[in-house]
Amino acid sequence: MNDILHGLGVAAAFGAVGVVLLLLGILLVDVLTPGKLGHQIWVERNRNAAVLLSSALLGIGGIVFTAILYTYEDFGKGLVSTACFGLLGLVLMAVAFWLVDLLTPGKLGVILVDPEPHPAVWVSASCNLAVAAIVAASIA
């Protein structure tokens, strides 16, 4: 029974770190795009914004999953390394967003929350997932 309780505690701690990183991902996308992201997705039903946010959440989830699976056996070190890899993923996603914005015409944040479908959202979403895959591969 103690093993089960211990496992639940470990899962809760890693889950909390994961949820915090996901929330930071939402905040990051909100900062990088104009307007209130929640309003654009849930009220205006903006698919571009939803795809962009979904890709960031999936990317962070993949990094957290890999970090939990492959980092240190020691609980404390594993928890800290999971948080660090997740934060690194967020920073690199923001840098990649900035670079794509720099190298393409227009203001990327504005384009990505336009109510009309735009192919740039798929490029940005793919970039998020690629950055996350690179970070996750560096863990394993």
N, C-alpha and C. Protein backbone atom coordinates (compact mmCIF):
# COMPACT_ATOMS: atom_id res chain seq x y z
N MET A 1 0.82 -1.20 0.00
CA MET A 1 0.00 0.00 0.00
C MET A 1 0.86 1.26 0.00
N ASN A 2 1.98 1.22 0.73
CA ASN A 2 2.88 2.37 0.76
C ASN A 2 3.45 2.66 -0.63
N ASP A 3 3.71 1.60 -1.42
CA ASP A 3 4.22 1.80 -2.78
C ASP A 3 3.21 2.56 -3.63
N ILE A 4 1.95 2.22 -3.48
CA ILE A 4 0.90 2.90 -4.25
C ILE A 4 0.82 4.36 -3.83
N LEU A 5 0.83 4.63 -2.54
CA LEU A 5 0.77 6.01 -2.06
C LEU A 5 1.99 6.82 -2.51
N HIS A 6 3.16 6.18 -2.44
CA HIS A 6 4.38 6.84 -2.89
C HIS A 6 4.27 7.16 -4.39
N GLY A 7 3.82 6.19 -5.17
CA GLY A 7 3.66 6.39 -6.61
C GLY A 7 2.67 7.50 -6.93
N LEU A 8 1.58 7.56 -6.17
CA LEU A 8 0.60 8.63 -6.36
C LEU A 8 1.20 10.00 -6.06
N GLY A 9 2.00 10.07 -5.02
CA GLY A 9 2.66 11.32 -4.67
C GLY A 9 3.64 11.77 -5.75
N VAL A 10 4.42 10.82 -6.26
CA VAL A 10 5.37 11.13 -7.34
C VAL A 10 4.61 11.60 -8.57
N ALA A 11 3.54 10.87 -8.94
CA ALA A 11 2.73 11.24 -10.11
C ALA A 11 2.11 12.63 -9.93
N ALA A 12 1.64 12.92 -8.72
CA ALA A 12 1.04 14.23 -8.46
C ALA A 12 2.08 15.34 -8.61
N ALA A 13 3.29 15.11 -8.12
CA ALA A 13 4.35 16.12 -8.21
C ALA A 13 4.74 16.37 -9.67
N PHE A 14 4.97 15.30 -10.42
CA PHE A 14 5.30 15.46 -11.84
C PHE A 14 4.12 16.06 -12.60
N GLY A 15 2.92 15.65 -12.25
CA GLY A 15 1.73 16.21 -12.89
C GLY A 15 1.61 17.70 -12.63
N ALA A 16 1.91 18.12 -11.42
CA ALA A 16 1.85 19.56 -11.09
C ALA A 16 2.87 20.34 -11.92
N VAL A 17 4.09 19.81 -12.04
CA VAL A 17 5.11 20.47 -12.86
C VAL A 17 4.63 20.55 -14.31
N GLY A 18 4.06 19.46 -14.80
CA GLY A 18 3.54 19.45 -16.16
C GLY A 18 2.44 20.47 -16.38
N VAL A 19 1.52 20.56 -15.45
CA VAL A 19 0.42 21.52 -15.57
C VAL A 19 0.95 22.96 -15.54
N VAL A 20 1.90 23.23 -14.67
CA VAL A 20 2.49 24.58 -14.61
C VAL A 20 3.16 24.91 -15.95
N LEU A 21 3.88 23.95 -16.52
CA LEU A 21 4.53 24.19 -17.81
C LEU A 21 3.51 24.41 -18.92
N LEU A 22 2.41 23.68 -18.88
CA LEU A 22 1.35 23.88 -19.88
C LEU A 22 0.74 25.28 -19.73
N LEU A 23 0.52 25.70 -18.49
CA LEU A 23 0.00 27.05 -18.27
C LEU A 23 0.98 28.12 -18.76
N LEU A 24 2.26 27.88 -18.53
CA LEU A 24 3.27 28.82 -19.05
C LEU A 24 3.25 28.84 -20.58
N GLY A 25 2.99 27.68 -21.19
CA GLY A 25 2.87 27.61 -22.64
C GLY A 25 1.70 28.44 -23.14
N ILE A 26 0.58 28.37 -22.44
CA ILE A 26 -0.59 29.18 -22.81
C ILE A 26 -0.25 30.67 -22.69
N LEU A 27 0.40 31.04 -21.61
CA LEU A 27 0.80 32.44 -21.41
C LEU A 27 1.77 32.90 -22.50
N LEU A 28 2.70 32.03 -22.87
CA LEU A 28 3.67 32.37 -23.90
C LEU A 28 2.97 32.65 -25.23
N VAL A 29 2.07 31.78 -25.64
CA VAL A 29 1.35 31.99 -26.90
C VAL A 29 0.49 33.26 -26.80
N ASP A 30 -0.09 33.48 -25.65
CA ASP A 30 -0.90 34.68 -25.45
C ASP A 30 -0.04 35.95 -25.59
N VAL A 31 1.18 35.92 -25.08
CA VAL A 31 2.08 37.08 -25.18
C VAL A 31 2.54 37.29 -26.62
N LEU A 32 2.77 36.20 -27.35
CA LEU A 32 3.29 36.30 -28.71
C LEU A 32 2.24 36.70 -29.74
N THR A 33 0.98 36.63 -29.37
CA THR A 33 -0.09 36.96 -30.31
C THR A 33 -0.93 38.11 -29.73
N PRO A 34 -1.44 38.96 -30.60
CA PRO A 34 -2.24 40.09 -30.11
C PRO A 34 -3.62 39.65 -29.61
N GLY A 35 -4.18 40.42 -28.71
CA GLY A 35 -5.50 40.10 -28.18
C GLY A 35 -5.44 39.05 -27.09
N LYS A 36 -6.61 38.72 -26.56
CA LYS A 36 -6.70 37.70 -25.52
C LYS A 36 -6.93 36.35 -26.19
N LEU A 37 -5.99 35.45 -26.00
CA LEU A 37 -6.02 34.15 -26.65
C LEU A 37 -7.28 33.36 -26.30
N GLY A 38 -7.65 33.33 -25.04
CA GLY A 38 -8.85 32.60 -24.63
C GLY A 38 -10.09 33.10 -25.33
N HIS A 39 -10.22 34.41 -25.45
CA HIS A 39 -11.37 35.00 -26.14
C HIS A 39 -11.37 34.62 -27.62
N GLN A 40 -10.19 34.67 -28.23
CA GLN A 40 -10.10 34.34 -29.65
C GLN A 40 -10.48 32.89 -29.92
N ILE A 41 -10.09 31.99 -29.03
CA ILE A 41 -10.37 30.57 -29.27
C ILE A 41 -11.79 30.21 -28.84
N TRP A 42 -12.20 30.58 -27.64
CA TRP A 42 -13.48 30.09 -27.11
C TRP A 42 -14.68 30.94 -27.51
N VAL A 43 -14.46 32.23 -27.76
CA VAL A 43 -15.58 33.09 -28.12
C VAL A 43 -15.63 33.29 -29.65
N GLU A 44 -14.49 33.69 -30.22
CA GLU A 44 -14.45 33.95 -31.65
C GLU A 44 -14.25 32.67 -32.49
N ARG A 45 -13.93 31.58 -31.82
CA ARG A 45 -13.70 30.28 -32.48
C ARG A 45 -12.63 30.36 -33.56
N ASN A 46 -11.54 31.05 -33.24
CA ASN A 46 -10.45 31.26 -34.18
C ASN A 46 -9.62 29.98 -34.29
N ARG A 47 -9.70 29.33 -35.44
CA ARG A 47 -8.99 28.06 -35.65
C ARG A 47 -7.48 28.25 -35.74
N ASN A 48 -7.03 29.36 -36.32
CA ASN A 48 -5.59 29.62 -36.39
C ASN A 48 -5.00 29.66 -34.98
N ALA A 49 -5.62 30.41 -34.09
CA ALA A 49 -5.13 30.52 -32.72
C ALA A 49 -5.19 29.17 -32.01
N ALA A 50 -6.25 28.40 -32.28
CA ALA A 50 -6.39 27.09 -31.64
C ALA A 50 -5.30 26.13 -32.10
N VAL A 51 -4.98 26.14 -33.38
CA VAL A 51 -3.92 25.25 -33.90
C VAL A 51 -2.58 25.64 -33.31
N LEU A 52 -2.30 26.94 -33.26
CA LEU A 52 -1.04 27.40 -32.70
C LEU A 52 -0.91 26.99 -31.23
N LEU A 53 -1.94 27.23 -30.43
CA LEU A 53 -1.90 26.88 -29.02
C LEU A 53 -1.81 25.37 -28.85
N SER A 54 -2.57 24.63 -29.63
CA SER A 54 -2.54 23.16 -29.53
C SER A 54 -1.14 22.61 -29.79
N SER A 55 -0.47 23.16 -30.79
CA SER A 55 0.88 22.67 -31.10
C SER A 55 1.85 22.95 -29.95
N ALA A 56 1.71 24.11 -29.32
CA ALA A 56 2.58 24.43 -28.18
C ALA A 56 2.31 23.48 -27.01
N LEU A 57 1.03 23.20 -26.75
CA LEU A 57 0.68 22.30 -25.65
C LEU A 57 1.14 20.88 -25.93
N LEU A 58 0.96 20.40 -27.16
CA LEU A 58 1.44 19.07 -27.51
C LEU A 58 2.96 18.98 -27.40
N GLY A 59 3.64 20.04 -27.84
CA GLY A 59 5.10 20.05 -27.75
C GLY A 59 5.59 20.01 -26.32
N ILE A 60 5.02 20.84 -25.47
CA ILE A 60 5.42 20.84 -24.06
C ILE A 60 5.08 19.50 -23.41
N GLY A 61 3.91 18.97 -23.74
CA GLY A 61 3.53 17.66 -23.21
C GLY A 61 4.53 16.58 -23.60
N GLY A 62 5.01 16.63 -24.84
CA GLY A 62 6.00 15.65 -25.30
C GLY A 62 7.32 15.79 -24.57
N ILE A 63 7.72 17.03 -24.33
CA ILE A 63 8.97 17.26 -23.59
C ILE A 63 8.84 16.75 -22.16
N VAL A 64 7.74 17.09 -21.50
CA VAL A 64 7.52 16.66 -20.11
C VAL A 64 7.46 15.13 -20.04
N PHE A 65 6.75 14.51 -20.97
CA PHE A 65 6.66 13.05 -21.01
C PHE A 65 8.06 12.42 -21.11
N THR A 66 8.86 12.93 -22.05
CA THR A 66 10.20 12.37 -22.25
C THR A 66 11.08 12.61 -21.04
N ALA A 67 10.99 13.80 -20.46
CA ALA A 67 11.81 14.11 -19.29
C ALA A 67 11.46 13.20 -18.11
N ILE A 68 10.19 12.95 -17.91
CA ILE A 68 9.77 12.07 -16.81
C ILE A 68 10.27 10.65 -17.07
N LEU A 69 10.17 10.22 -18.29
CA LEU A 69 10.52 8.85 -18.64
C LEU A 69 12.02 8.58 -18.58
N TYR A 70 12.83 9.57 -18.98
CA TYR A 70 14.25 9.29 -19.17
C TYR A 70 15.21 10.03 -18.26
N THR A 71 14.74 10.91 -17.41
CA THR A 71 15.71 11.63 -16.58
C THR A 71 16.03 10.84 -15.32
N TYR A 72 16.60 11.49 -14.39
CA TYR A 72 17.19 10.88 -13.19
C TYR A 72 16.23 10.00 -12.42
N GLU A 73 16.79 8.95 -11.85
CA GLU A 73 16.02 8.06 -10.96
C GLU A 73 15.67 8.78 -9.66
N ASP A 74 16.56 9.64 -9.21
CA ASP A 74 16.32 10.40 -7.99
C ASP A 74 15.13 11.33 -8.21
N PHE A 75 14.15 11.26 -7.33
CA PHE A 75 12.90 12.01 -7.49
C PHE A 75 13.14 13.51 -7.63
N GLY A 76 13.91 14.08 -6.72
CA GLY A 76 14.15 15.53 -6.74
C GLY A 76 14.85 15.97 -8.01
N LYS A 77 15.90 15.25 -8.40
CA LYS A 77 16.61 15.59 -9.63
C LYS A 77 15.71 15.43 -10.84
N GLY A 78 14.90 14.40 -10.85
CA GLY A 78 13.99 14.17 -11.97
C GLY A 78 12.97 15.29 -12.09
N LEU A 79 12.45 15.72 -10.96
CA LEU A 79 11.46 16.80 -10.95
C LEU A 79 12.07 18.12 -11.45
N VAL A 80 13.25 18.42 -10.96
CA VAL A 80 13.94 19.66 -11.38
C VAL A 80 14.31 19.59 -12.85
N SER A 81 14.83 18.44 -13.29
CA SER A 81 15.23 18.34 -14.70
C SER A 81 14.01 18.42 -15.62
N THR A 82 12.88 17.87 -15.20
CA THR A 82 11.66 17.98 -15.99
C THR A 82 11.25 19.43 -16.14
N ALA A 83 11.29 20.18 -15.05
CA ALA A 83 10.95 21.60 -15.11
C ALA A 83 11.94 22.35 -15.99
N CYS A 84 13.22 22.04 -15.88
CA CYS A 84 14.24 22.74 -16.67
C CYS A 84 14.09 22.44 -18.15
N PHE A 85 13.89 21.17 -18.51
CA PHE A 85 13.71 20.84 -19.93
C PHE A 85 12.44 21.47 -20.48
N GLY A 86 11.39 21.49 -19.69
CA GLY A 86 10.15 22.13 -20.13
C GLY A 86 10.33 23.61 -20.36
N LEU A 87 11.02 24.28 -19.45
CA LEU A 87 11.29 25.72 -19.61
C LEU A 87 12.18 25.97 -20.83
N LEU A 88 13.17 25.10 -21.03
CA LEU A 88 14.02 25.23 -22.20
C LEU A 88 13.18 25.11 -23.48
N GLY A 89 12.26 24.16 -23.50
CA GLY A 89 11.38 24.01 -24.65
C GLY A 89 10.57 25.26 -24.92
N LEU A 90 10.03 25.86 -23.87
CA LEU A 90 9.25 27.10 -24.03
C LEU A 90 10.11 28.23 -24.58
N VAL A 91 11.31 28.37 -24.05
CA VAL A 91 12.21 29.43 -24.52
C VAL A 91 12.56 29.20 -25.99
N LEU A 92 12.88 27.95 -26.35
CA LEU A 92 13.25 27.67 -27.74
C LEU A 92 12.06 27.83 -28.68
N MET A 93 10.87 27.52 -28.23
CA MET A 93 9.69 27.76 -29.07
C MET A 93 9.50 29.25 -29.31
N ALA A 94 9.71 30.05 -28.28
CA ALA A 94 9.59 31.51 -28.44
C ALA A 94 10.66 32.04 -29.39
N VAL A 95 11.89 31.52 -29.28
CA VAL A 95 12.97 31.94 -30.18
C VAL A 95 12.64 31.54 -31.61
N ALA A 96 12.15 30.33 -31.80
CA ALA A 96 11.78 29.87 -33.14
C ALA A 96 10.65 30.73 -33.72
N PHE A 97 9.68 31.07 -32.89
CA PHE A 97 8.59 31.96 -33.32
C PHE A 97 9.16 33.29 -33.79
N TRP A 98 10.05 33.85 -33.00
CA TRP A 98 10.66 35.14 -33.32
C TRP A 98 11.44 35.04 -34.63
N LEU A 99 12.19 33.95 -34.83
CA LEU A 99 12.97 33.79 -36.06
C LEU A 99 12.07 33.65 -37.29
N VAL A 100 11.00 32.86 -37.17
CA VAL A 100 10.06 32.74 -38.28
C VAL A 100 9.44 34.10 -38.58
N ASP A 101 9.08 34.83 -37.53
CA ASP A 101 8.52 36.17 -37.71
C ASP A 101 9.51 37.08 -38.42
N LEU A 102 10.77 36.99 -38.05
CA LEU A 102 11.82 37.82 -38.63
C LEU A 102 12.05 37.50 -40.11
N LEU A 103 11.93 36.23 -40.47
CA LEU A 103 12.27 35.78 -41.82
C LEU A 103 11.09 35.76 -42.80
N THR A 104 9.90 36.07 -42.33
CA THR A 104 8.73 36.01 -43.20
C THR A 104 8.06 37.37 -43.27
N PRO A 105 7.30 37.62 -44.34
CA PRO A 105 6.63 38.92 -44.45
C PRO A 105 5.47 39.06 -43.47
N GLY A 106 5.18 40.27 -43.10
CA GLY A 106 4.06 40.54 -42.19
C GLY A 106 4.44 40.32 -40.75
N LYS A 107 3.49 40.54 -39.88
CA LYS A 107 3.66 40.33 -38.44
C LYS A 107 3.04 38.99 -38.09
N LEU A 108 3.86 38.01 -37.76
CA LEU A 108 3.41 36.64 -37.58
C LEU A 108 2.30 36.51 -36.54
N GLY A 109 2.44 37.18 -35.41
CA GLY A 109 1.42 37.08 -34.37
C GLY A 109 0.06 37.52 -34.87
N VAL A 110 0.02 38.58 -35.65
CA VAL A 110 -1.24 39.08 -36.20
C VAL A 110 -1.81 38.09 -37.21
N ILE A 111 -0.94 37.57 -38.07
CA ILE A 111 -1.37 36.60 -39.08
C ILE A 111 -1.98 35.37 -38.42
N LEU A 112 -1.37 34.92 -37.33
CA LEU A 112 -1.78 33.67 -36.70
C LEU A 112 -3.09 33.77 -35.94
N VAL A 113 -3.55 34.96 -35.67
CA VAL A 113 -4.85 35.10 -34.99
C VAL A 113 -5.89 35.71 -35.91
N ASP A 114 -5.57 35.85 -37.19
CA ASP A 114 -6.54 36.32 -38.16
C ASP A 114 -7.68 35.30 -38.24
N PRO A 115 -8.91 35.75 -38.33
CA PRO A 115 -10.02 34.79 -38.38
C PRO A 115 -10.05 33.95 -39.66
N GLU A 116 -9.41 34.44 -40.73
CA GLU A 116 -9.35 33.66 -41.96
C GLU A 116 -8.22 32.63 -41.86
N PRO A 117 -8.46 31.41 -42.30
CA PRO A 117 -7.39 30.40 -42.27
C PRO A 117 -6.15 30.89 -43.02
N HIS A 118 -5.00 30.62 -42.43
CA HIS A 118 -3.74 31.05 -43.05
C HIS A 118 -2.73 29.91 -42.95
N PRO A 119 -2.00 29.62 -44.04
CA PRO A 119 -1.02 28.53 -44.01
C PRO A 119 0.12 28.75 -43.03
N ALA A 120 0.37 30.00 -42.64
CA ALA A 120 1.45 30.29 -41.70
C ALA A 120 1.22 29.60 -40.36
N VAL A 121 -0.03 29.35 -40.02
CA VAL A 121 -0.30 28.69 -38.74
C VAL A 121 0.26 27.26 -38.75
N TRP A 122 0.20 26.60 -39.90
CA TRP A 122 0.74 25.23 -39.99
C TRP A 122 2.26 25.24 -39.91
N VAL A 123 2.88 26.26 -40.49
CA VAL A 123 4.33 26.38 -40.41
C VAL A 123 4.74 26.62 -38.96
N SER A 124 4.05 27.52 -38.29
CA SER A 124 4.37 27.81 -36.89
C SER A 124 4.09 26.62 -35.98
N ALA A 125 2.99 25.94 -36.21
CA ALA A 125 2.67 24.76 -35.41
C ALA A 125 3.71 23.66 -35.63
N SER A 126 4.11 23.46 -36.87
CA SER A 126 5.14 22.46 -37.16
C SER A 126 6.46 22.84 -36.50
N CYS A 127 6.76 24.12 -36.49
CA CYS A 127 7.98 24.60 -35.84
C CYS A 127 7.94 24.30 -34.34
N ASN A 128 6.79 24.53 -33.70
CA ASN A 128 6.65 24.20 -32.28
C ASN A 128 6.91 22.72 -32.02
N LEU A 129 6.31 21.88 -32.84
CA LEU A 129 6.46 20.43 -32.65
C LEU A 129 7.89 19.98 -32.96
N ALA A 130 8.52 20.59 -33.96
CA ALA A 130 9.90 20.24 -34.28
C ALA A 130 10.85 20.63 -33.15
N VAL A 131 10.66 21.82 -32.61
CA VAL A 131 11.49 22.26 -31.48
C VAL A 131 11.30 21.31 -30.30
N ALA A 132 10.07 20.96 -30.02
CA ALA A 132 9.79 20.03 -28.91
C ALA A 132 10.44 18.67 -29.15
N ALA A 133 10.38 18.19 -30.38
CA ALA A 133 11.01 16.90 -30.71
C ALA A 133 12.51 16.95 -30.51
N ILE A 134 13.12 18.06 -30.89
CA ILE A 134 14.57 18.22 -30.71
C ILE A 134 14.93 18.21 -29.23
N VAL A 135 14.18 18.95 -28.42
CA VAL A 135 14.44 18.97 -26.97
C VAL A 135 14.21 17.58 -26.38
N ALA A 136 13.12 16.93 -26.77
CA ALA A 136 12.82 15.59 -26.24
C ALA A 136 13.91 14.61 -26.63
N ALA A 137 14.40 14.68 -27.85
CA ALA A 137 15.47 13.77 -28.29
C ALA A 137 16.75 14.01 -27.51
N SER A 138 17.00 15.26 -27.13
CA SER A 138 18.21 15.55 -26.36
C SER A 138 18.15 14.97 -24.96
N ILE A 139 16.96 14.69 -24.48
CA ILE A 139 16.78 14.12 -23.14
C ILE A 139 17.14 12.64 -23.16
N ALA A 140 16.62 11.96 -24.17
CA ALA A 140 16.81 10.50 -24.26
C ALA A 140 18.18 10.22 -24.71
